Amino acid sequence: MTNLKKILFVNTDLRGGGAEKILVNIVNSFDYSQYEVTVLTIFKEGINREDLNKEIKQEWIFEKPFKGYTRLALLFSPKFLFKRFIKSDNYDVIISFLEGFPSRIVAGCTNPNIKLISWIHLELYENTIGYEFRNKKEAVKCYNKFHKIVSVAKTVQDHFTKCVAIPQDKLEVIYNPLEIDEITTKAEINPYQKIDKIRLVTVGRLNPQKGYDRLVRIMKKLKSDGFDFELNILGMGPMETELKKYVIDNDLSDQINFLGFQKNPYPYIKHADLFVCSSHKEGYSTVVTESVILETPVITTNCSGMKEILDNGNAGIIVNNSEDALYEGLKNILNTNEPLASLQEKTNLRAIFLKNRNSFNQILELIN
């Protein structure tokens, strides 16, 4: 047991988000005859916690989330937070799997024998790089303490390096690994009733970042244009009440269904005609990647990582990141089935490429 390589992952929680799902995929892929893996979260909550292998050690700092915890934490230095929250420094590698507060904690490590890695999932800008740090200066100082900065997409890395001066040899891009066999197996059973219209689907947390407010407004315009369609929204979040009210007030209940959080969203994606991503920003979208793997065509706003997933728009429709552009893109598809039929063939080919590229080996090489 003493020869096991000890790895600690630090994250905020294990809720139903894409980053949290990817974290579970990664830690479940380790060979536990060679590695001892611990997942430390700030809060205990999270539906994804149920999917962690029993060999993984689970630790958390607080039982339940509370507002203002990062503001309170800013009263203390990263060094203090590391000693307070990470009880032992008997690790070979510590990975902050989320930008912001987890990275601030891990950056407080003073043991020179521990390798530190920070994972960046979102595009960071001058006005957001210091989020959950005291300021940008502290953020830059903390990120430079890591031995490696992993970005989930090339565009994410490009934005990061514009904000933080960091040696090139510290940078690496690793695309999110997925459980391909599990995804395809779970997607087999069709959950829908047969309909004679285009079925749209979208999956994500119902928060402002995902742009669902503009998506339902687009659906209202399309209905006014005379188009017949069905949109299924999978997810929960702070905008749920607001979105449902808009749908009722604008007589869209026959077009838009709120299906809540689905632990297995894959059948809903697989058996839809088109996946819609209306996000204002993303890192490297897990669910868009899953949609392509399940051979469901995608239309998306131009967010970070989309060009890498969809082969610069050759294997999916990428529109400008605006309400009008997404409306025009969807209108064009609903006008005729020809764009969708052509897109289906390209999506099928892209699915083969993404399945072949998917690998846990790059992460192992990084850690070792």
Protein backbone atom coordinates (compact mmCIF):
# COMPACT_ATOMS: atom_id res chain seq x y z
CA MET A 1 0.00 0.00 0.00
CA THR A 2 2.89 2.39 0.70
CA ASN A 3 3.88 2.27 -2.98
CA LEU A 4 0.56 3.66 -4.16
CA LYS A 5 0.74 7.04 -5.84
CA LYS A 6 -1.49 9.37 -3.83
CA ILE A 7 -3.69 11.81 -5.76
CA LEU A 8 -5.99 14.47 -4.30
CA PHE A 9 -8.68 16.20 -6.39
CA VAL A 10 -10.22 19.40 -4.99
CA ASN A 11 -13.56 20.71 -6.28
CA THR A 12 -16.43 22.85 -5.01
CA ASP A 13 -19.05 20.07 -5.02
CA LEU A 14 -20.31 17.15 -7.10
CA ARG A 15 -23.55 18.57 -8.47
CA GLY A 16 -25.01 17.60 -11.84
CA GLY A 17 -22.78 19.85 -13.94
CA GLY A 18 -20.46 18.90 -16.80
CA ALA A 19 -17.20 19.53 -14.92
CA GLU A 20 -18.39 17.44 -11.99
CA LYS A 21 -19.38 14.58 -14.29
CA ILE A 22 -15.98 14.70 -15.97
CA LEU A 23 -14.25 14.64 -12.58
CA VAL A 24 -16.15 11.45 -11.69
CA ASN A 25 -15.21 9.92 -15.07
CA ILE A 26 -11.53 10.67 -14.45
CA VAL A 27 -11.25 9.40 -10.87
CA ASN A 28 -13.23 6.27 -11.71
CA SER A 29 -10.72 5.42 -14.45
CA PHE A 30 -7.69 4.98 -12.19
CA ASP A 31 -6.12 1.60 -11.54
CA TYR A 32 -6.51 1.35 -7.76
CA SER A 33 -3.77 -1.20 -7.48
CA GLN A 34 -1.39 1.66 -8.39
CA TYR A 35 -3.16 4.80 -7.17
CA GLU A 36 -4.87 6.01 -4.04
CA VAL A 37 -7.38 8.71 -4.99
CA THR A 38 -9.16 11.18 -2.71
CA VAL A 39 -11.84 13.66 -3.75
CA LEU A 40 -12.17 16.68 -1.47
CA THR A 41 -15.12 19.01 -2.04
CA ILE A 42 -15.96 22.28 -0.36
CA PHE A 43 -19.55 21.10 0.09
CA LYS A 44 -20.91 17.59 0.53
CA GLU A 45 -23.83 18.07 -1.90
CA GLY A 46 -23.95 16.55 -5.34
CA ILE A 47 -25.84 13.89 -7.27
CA ASN A 48 -22.60 12.80 -8.98
CA ARG A 49 -21.21 11.62 -5.64
CA GLU A 50 -23.32 8.48 -5.99
CA ASP A 51 -21.32 7.45 -9.06
CA LEU A 52 -17.87 7.51 -7.43
CA ASN A 53 -16.20 4.10 -7.19
CA LYS A 54 -16.11 2.72 -3.66
CA GLU A 55 -12.29 2.70 -3.76
CA ILE A 56 -12.22 6.51 -3.86
CA LYS A 57 -11.84 8.32 -0.56
CA GLN A 58 -14.41 11.11 -0.13
CA GLU A 59 -13.88 14.14 2.06
CA TRP A 60 -15.67 17.48 2.36
CA ILE A 61 -15.28 20.69 4.32
CA PHE A 62 -18.92 21.75 4.88
CA GLU A 63 -22.08 19.65 4.95
CA LYS A 64 -24.24 22.23 3.17
CA PRO A 65 -23.54 25.22 0.92
CA PHE A 66 -23.97 28.73 2.26
CA LYS A 67 -23.77 32.16 0.67
CA GLY A 68 -20.69 34.28 1.14
CA TYR A 69 -18.27 31.44 1.84
CA THR A 70 -15.71 32.74 -0.67
CA ARG A 71 -15.93 36.26 0.74
CA LEU A 72 -15.29 34.84 4.19
CA ALA A 73 -12.37 32.81 2.86
CA LEU A 74 -10.76 35.94 1.39
CA LEU A 75 -10.01 37.04 4.93
CA PHE A 76 -7.39 34.28 5.04
CA SER A 77 -4.32 33.55 2.94
CA PRO A 78 -4.09 30.56 0.55
CA LYS A 79 -1.44 29.10 2.85
CA PHE A 80 -3.80 29.27 5.84
CA LEU A 81 -6.68 27.77 3.83
CA PHE A 82 -4.52 24.87 2.65
CA LYS A 83 -3.45 24.01 6.20
CA ARG A 84 -7.01 24.42 7.50
CA PHE A 85 -8.88 22.49 4.81
CA ILE A 86 -6.36 19.94 3.51
CA LYS A 87 -5.49 18.06 6.66
CA SER A 88 -2.53 16.16 5.23
CA ASP A 89 0.18 16.99 2.73
CA ASN A 90 0.98 13.31 2.25
CA TYR A 91 0.13 13.43 -1.45
CA ASP A 92 2.18 13.05 -4.60
CA VAL A 93 -0.14 15.18 -6.73
CA ILE A 94 -2.89 17.65 -5.80
CA ILE A 95 -5.28 18.75 -8.53
CA SER A 96 -7.57 21.75 -8.31
CA PHE A 97 -10.26 20.67 -10.73
CA LEU A 98 -11.98 24.05 -10.89
CA GLU A 99 -10.79 27.60 -11.39
CA GLY A 100 -11.31 30.08 -8.56
CA PHE A 101 -11.64 29.03 -4.92
CA PRO A 102 -10.34 25.42 -5.25
CA SER A 103 -7.24 26.78 -7.03
CA ARG A 104 -6.74 29.39 -4.33
CA ILE A 105 -6.76 26.67 -1.66
CA VAL A 106 -4.36 24.34 -3.49
CA ALA A 107 -1.98 27.21 -4.30
CA GLY A 108 -1.38 27.51 -0.55
CA CYS A 109 0.61 24.26 -0.54
CA THR A 110 4.20 24.81 0.66
CA ASN A 111 5.47 21.23 0.32
CA PRO A 112 7.94 21.29 -2.62
CA ASN A 113 7.56 17.53 -3.12
CA ILE A 114 3.91 17.75 -4.13
CA LYS A 115 3.11 18.40 -7.78
CA LEU A 116 0.26 20.89 -8.21
CA ILE A 117 -2.12 20.94 -11.18
CA SER A 118 -4.90 23.41 -11.93
CA TRP A 119 -7.74 22.57 -14.36
CA ILE A 120 -9.35 25.49 -16.23
CA HIS A 121 -12.83 24.86 -17.67
CA LEU A 122 -14.01 28.35 -18.61
CA GLU A 123 -12.71 31.25 -20.65
CA LEU A 124 -11.22 33.70 -18.14
CA TYR A 125 -10.94 37.40 -18.92
CA GLU A 126 -9.32 40.42 -17.29
CA ASN A 127 -12.50 41.07 -15.31
CA THR A 128 -13.05 37.42 -14.29
CA ILE A 129 -9.56 36.00 -13.73
CA GLY A 130 -9.63 37.30 -10.14
CA TYR A 131 -13.00 35.71 -9.35
CA GLU A 132 -12.85 34.16 -5.85
CA PHE A 133 -9.38 35.65 -5.34
CA ARG A 134 -8.63 38.93 -3.56
CA ASN A 135 -7.73 40.51 -6.88
CA LYS A 136 -6.13 39.73 -10.23
CA LYS A 137 -2.61 40.10 -8.77
CA GLU A 138 -3.28 37.35 -6.22
CA ALA A 139 -4.85 35.14 -8.91
CA VAL A 140 -1.78 35.45 -11.15
CA LYS A 141 0.50 34.69 -8.21
CA CYS A 142 -1.53 31.61 -7.22
CA TYR A 143 -1.77 30.17 -10.74
CA ASN A 144 1.97 30.53 -11.17
CA LYS A 145 2.50 28.24 -8.17
CA PHE A 146 1.10 25.30 -10.14
CA HIS A 147 3.42 22.97 -12.01
CA LYS A 148 0.83 22.47 -14.76
CA ILE A 149 -2.20 24.44 -15.95
CA VAL A 150 -4.59 22.18 -17.86
CA SER A 151 -7.19 23.80 -20.14
CA VAL A 152 -10.11 21.81 -21.49
CA ALA A 153 -9.88 23.51 -24.91
CA LYS A 154 -7.32 25.48 -26.90
CA THR A 155 -9.54 28.57 -26.81
CA VAL A 156 -9.73 28.30 -23.01
CA GLN A 157 -5.93 28.20 -22.86
CA ASP A 158 -5.59 31.16 -25.23
CA HIS A 159 -7.82 33.33 -23.04
CA PHE A 160 -6.02 32.23 -19.89
CA THR A 161 -2.57 33.13 -21.22
CA LYS A 162 -3.81 36.59 -22.18
CA CYS A 163 -4.54 37.20 -18.50
CA VAL A 164 -1.70 35.28 -16.84
CA ALA A 165 1.94 35.37 -17.91
CA ILE A 166 3.04 31.78 -17.45
CA PRO A 167 5.81 29.61 -18.95
CA GLN A 168 4.74 27.64 -22.02
CA ASP A 169 5.99 24.35 -20.58
CA LYS A 170 3.45 24.65 -17.76
CA LEU A 171 0.52 24.67 -20.20
CA GLU A 172 -1.37 21.69 -21.54
CA VAL A 173 -4.71 21.11 -23.30
CA ILE A 174 -6.59 17.94 -22.34
CA TYR A 175 -10.06 17.37 -23.76
CA ASN A 176 -12.64 15.96 -21.37
CA PRO A 177 -12.59 12.14 -21.39
CA LEU A 178 -15.98 10.46 -21.55
CA GLU A 179 -17.33 7.00 -20.77
CA ILE A 180 -18.26 6.20 -24.37
CA ASP A 181 -19.64 2.68 -23.81
CA GLU A 182 -21.74 3.84 -20.87
CA ILE A 183 -23.16 6.79 -22.81
CA THR A 184 -24.16 4.75 -25.84
CA THR A 185 -25.59 1.87 -23.78
CA LYS A 186 -27.70 4.15 -21.60
CA ALA A 187 -29.08 5.94 -24.67
CA GLU A 188 -30.73 2.93 -26.28
CA ILE A 189 -34.33 3.13 -25.01
CA ASN A 190 -36.43 5.85 -26.67
CA PRO A 191 -38.24 7.88 -23.95
CA TYR A 192 -40.36 9.89 -26.40
CA GLN A 193 -43.72 9.36 -28.00
CA LYS A 194 -43.76 9.52 -31.80
CA ILE A 195 -44.54 12.98 -33.19
CA ASP A 196 -44.76 14.44 -36.67
CA LYS A 197 -42.54 17.47 -36.07
CA ILE A 198 -38.92 18.30 -35.33
CA ARG A 199 -37.92 17.45 -31.78
CA LEU A 200 -35.31 19.72 -30.16
CA VAL A 201 -33.48 19.01 -26.91
CA THR A 202 -31.19 20.96 -24.61
CA VAL A 203 -29.52 19.92 -21.36
CA GLY A 204 -27.98 22.12 -18.67
CA ARG A 205 -28.36 24.01 -15.43
CA LEU A 206 -31.12 26.63 -15.66
CA ASN A 207 -28.91 29.64 -14.94
CA PRO A 208 -28.17 32.85 -16.89
CA GLN A 209 -24.95 31.46 -18.42
CA LYS A 210 -26.87 28.86 -20.41
CA GLY A 211 -29.05 31.44 -22.19
CA TYR A 212 -32.35 29.62 -21.80
CA ASP A 213 -34.18 32.93 -21.42
CA ARG A 214 -33.21 33.86 -24.96
CA LEU A 215 -33.94 30.33 -26.15
CA VAL A 216 -37.58 30.44 -25.00
CA ARG A 217 -37.94 33.89 -26.60
CA ILE A 218 -36.68 32.36 -29.85
CA MET A 219 -39.23 29.59 -29.53
CA LYS A 220 -41.97 32.22 -29.24
CA LYS A 221 -40.76 33.87 -32.47
CA LEU A 222 -40.61 30.54 -34.29
CA LYS A 223 -44.14 29.68 -33.19
CA SER A 224 -45.31 33.09 -34.42
CA ASP A 225 -43.63 32.28 -37.75
CA GLY A 226 -45.90 29.25 -38.03
CA PHE A 227 -43.33 26.53 -37.30
CA ASP A 228 -44.32 23.37 -35.46
CA PHE A 229 -41.71 21.84 -33.14
CA GLU A 230 -41.08 20.40 -29.69
CA LEU A 231 -38.34 21.58 -27.33
CA ASN A 232 -37.40 19.46 -24.31
CA ILE A 233 -35.39 21.21 -21.60
CA LEU A 234 -33.52 18.95 -19.16
CA GLY A 235 -32.17 20.59 -16.04
CA MET A 236 -32.85 22.49 -12.84
CA GLY A 237 -31.62 25.83 -11.57
CA PRO A 238 -32.38 29.33 -10.31
CA MET A 239 -34.18 30.44 -13.49
CA GLU A 240 -36.66 27.56 -13.51
CA THR A 241 -39.64 29.48 -12.12
CA GLU A 242 -39.00 32.45 -14.42
CA LEU A 243 -38.70 30.27 -17.53
CA LYS A 244 -41.81 28.22 -16.76
CA LYS A 245 -43.81 31.41 -16.19
CA TYR A 246 -42.68 32.78 -19.56
CA VAL A 247 -43.76 29.57 -21.29
CA ILE A 248 -47.21 29.67 -19.69
CA ASP A 249 -47.70 33.43 -20.23
CA ASN A 250 -46.79 33.11 -23.91
CA ASP A 251 -48.85 30.00 -24.65
CA LEU A 252 -45.83 27.80 -25.36
CA SER A 253 -46.79 24.80 -23.21
CA ASP A 254 -47.54 22.69 -26.29
CA GLN A 255 -44.08 23.41 -27.69
CA ILE A 256 -41.79 23.43 -24.63
CA ASN A 257 -41.46 20.69 -22.00
CA PHE A 258 -39.48 21.04 -18.78
CA LEU A 259 -38.27 17.54 -17.89
CA GLY A 260 -36.20 18.51 -14.83
CA PHE A 261 -32.83 17.02 -13.94
CA GLN A 262 -32.37 13.61 -15.52
CA LYS A 263 -29.66 11.38 -14.12
CA ASN A 264 -29.62 9.64 -17.50
CA PRO A 265 -30.10 12.35 -20.16
CA TYR A 266 -28.67 10.25 -22.99
CA PRO A 267 -31.90 8.75 -24.37
CA TYR A 268 -33.41 12.23 -24.58
CA ILE A 269 -30.39 13.43 -26.57
CA LYS A 270 -30.03 10.34 -28.76
CA HIS A 271 -33.66 10.23 -29.87
CA ALA A 272 -34.06 13.95 -30.57
CA ASP A 273 -33.62 15.44 -34.04
CA LEU A 274 -31.41 18.34 -32.97
CA PHE A 275 -29.48 19.42 -29.87
CA VAL A 276 -29.57 23.16 -29.14
CA CYS A 277 -26.93 24.99 -27.09
CA SER A 278 -27.91 28.60 -26.36
CA SER A 279 -25.08 29.36 -23.90
CA HIS A 280 -23.44 32.74 -23.50
CA LYS A 281 -20.22 30.96 -22.52
CA GLU A 282 -18.87 27.45 -22.09
CA GLY A 283 -15.48 25.85 -21.56
CA TYR A 284 -15.48 22.60 -23.49
CA SER A 285 -19.09 21.49 -23.45
CA THR A 286 -19.51 17.95 -22.18
CA VAL A 287 -23.11 17.68 -23.30
CA VAL A 288 -22.42 18.96 -26.83
CA THR A 289 -19.64 16.37 -27.12
CA GLU A 290 -22.03 13.70 -25.84
CA SER A 291 -24.62 14.77 -28.39
CA VAL A 292 -22.17 14.28 -31.26
CA ILE A 293 -21.07 10.91 -29.87
CA LEU A 294 -24.75 9.91 -29.81
CA GLU A 295 -24.97 11.12 -33.44
CA THR A 296 -27.49 13.86 -32.72
CA PRO A 297 -26.78 17.00 -34.80
CA VAL A 298 -25.97 20.21 -32.95
CA ILE A 299 -26.70 23.89 -33.40
CA THR A 300 -24.84 26.09 -30.94
CA THR A 301 -23.84 29.64 -30.20
CA ASN A 302 -20.15 30.36 -30.70
CA CYS A 303 -18.70 29.51 -27.29
CA SER A 304 -15.25 28.35 -26.32
CA GLY A 305 -14.52 24.80 -27.46
CA MET A 306 -17.37 24.52 -29.98
CA LYS A 307 -15.10 24.81 -33.03
CA GLU A 308 -12.90 22.06 -31.61
CA ILE A 309 -15.88 19.77 -30.96
CA LEU A 310 -17.64 20.48 -34.26
CA ASP A 311 -14.61 20.66 -36.56
CA ASN A 312 -14.85 24.44 -37.10
CA GLY A 313 -18.54 24.16 -37.94
CA ASN A 314 -18.13 21.40 -40.54
CA ALA A 315 -19.85 18.86 -38.28
CA GLY A 316 -22.41 21.14 -36.66
CA ILE A 317 -23.94 24.59 -36.95
CA ILE A 318 -22.13 27.32 -35.03
CA VAL A 319 -23.87 30.70 -35.09
CA ASN A 320 -22.80 34.05 -33.67
CA ASN A 321 -23.38 34.32 -29.94
CA SER A 322 -26.57 36.34 -30.16
CA GLU A 323 -30.29 35.77 -29.91
CA ASP A 324 -30.89 36.89 -33.50
CA ALA A 325 -28.22 34.57 -34.93
CA LEU A 326 -29.55 31.53 -33.08
CA TYR A 327 -33.09 32.39 -34.18
CA GLU A 328 -32.02 32.60 -37.83
CA GLY A 329 -30.08 29.33 -37.56
CA LEU A 330 -33.04 27.45 -36.12
CA LYS A 331 -35.44 29.07 -38.58
CA ASN A 332 -33.28 27.87 -41.46
CA ILE A 333 -33.39 24.29 -40.17
CA LEU A 334 -37.15 24.36 -39.55
CA ASN A 335 -37.79 25.78 -43.02
CA THR A 336 -36.60 22.58 -44.66
CA ASN A 337 -35.23 19.24 -43.57
CA GLU A 338 -32.33 19.38 -46.03
CA PRO A 339 -29.81 21.12 -43.70
CA LEU A 340 -30.65 18.60 -40.96
CA ALA A 341 -30.23 15.58 -43.26
CA SER A 342 -26.82 16.82 -44.43
CA LEU A 343 -25.81 17.64 -40.87
CA GLN A 344 -26.73 14.12 -39.73
CA GLU A 345 -24.16 12.54 -42.07
CA LYS A 346 -21.41 14.91 -40.91
CA THR A 347 -22.31 14.32 -37.26
CA ASN A 348 -22.00 10.55 -37.70
CA LEU A 349 -18.48 10.95 -39.10
CA ARG A 350 -17.48 13.35 -36.32
CA ALA A 351 -18.74 10.87 -33.73
CA ILE A 352 -16.20 8.33 -34.97
CA PHE A 353 -13.39 10.89 -34.65
CA LEU A 354 -14.35 11.91 -31.09
CA LYS A 355 -14.67 8.30 -29.96
CA ASN A 356 -11.20 7.50 -31.29
CA ARG A 357 -9.67 10.60 -29.69
CA ASN A 358 -11.21 9.93 -26.29
CA SER A 359 -8.46 8.72 -23.95
CA PHE A 360 -7.54 8.68 -20.29
CA ASN A 361 -3.86 8.09 -21.13
CA GLN A 362 -3.01 11.78 -21.50
CA ILE A 363 -4.16 12.42 -17.95
CA LEU A 364 -2.12 9.51 -16.62
CA GLU A 365 0.96 10.79 -18.44
CA LEU A 366 0.45 14.22 -16.90
CA ILE A 367 0.09 12.83 -13.38
CA ASN A 368 3.03 10.47 -13.69
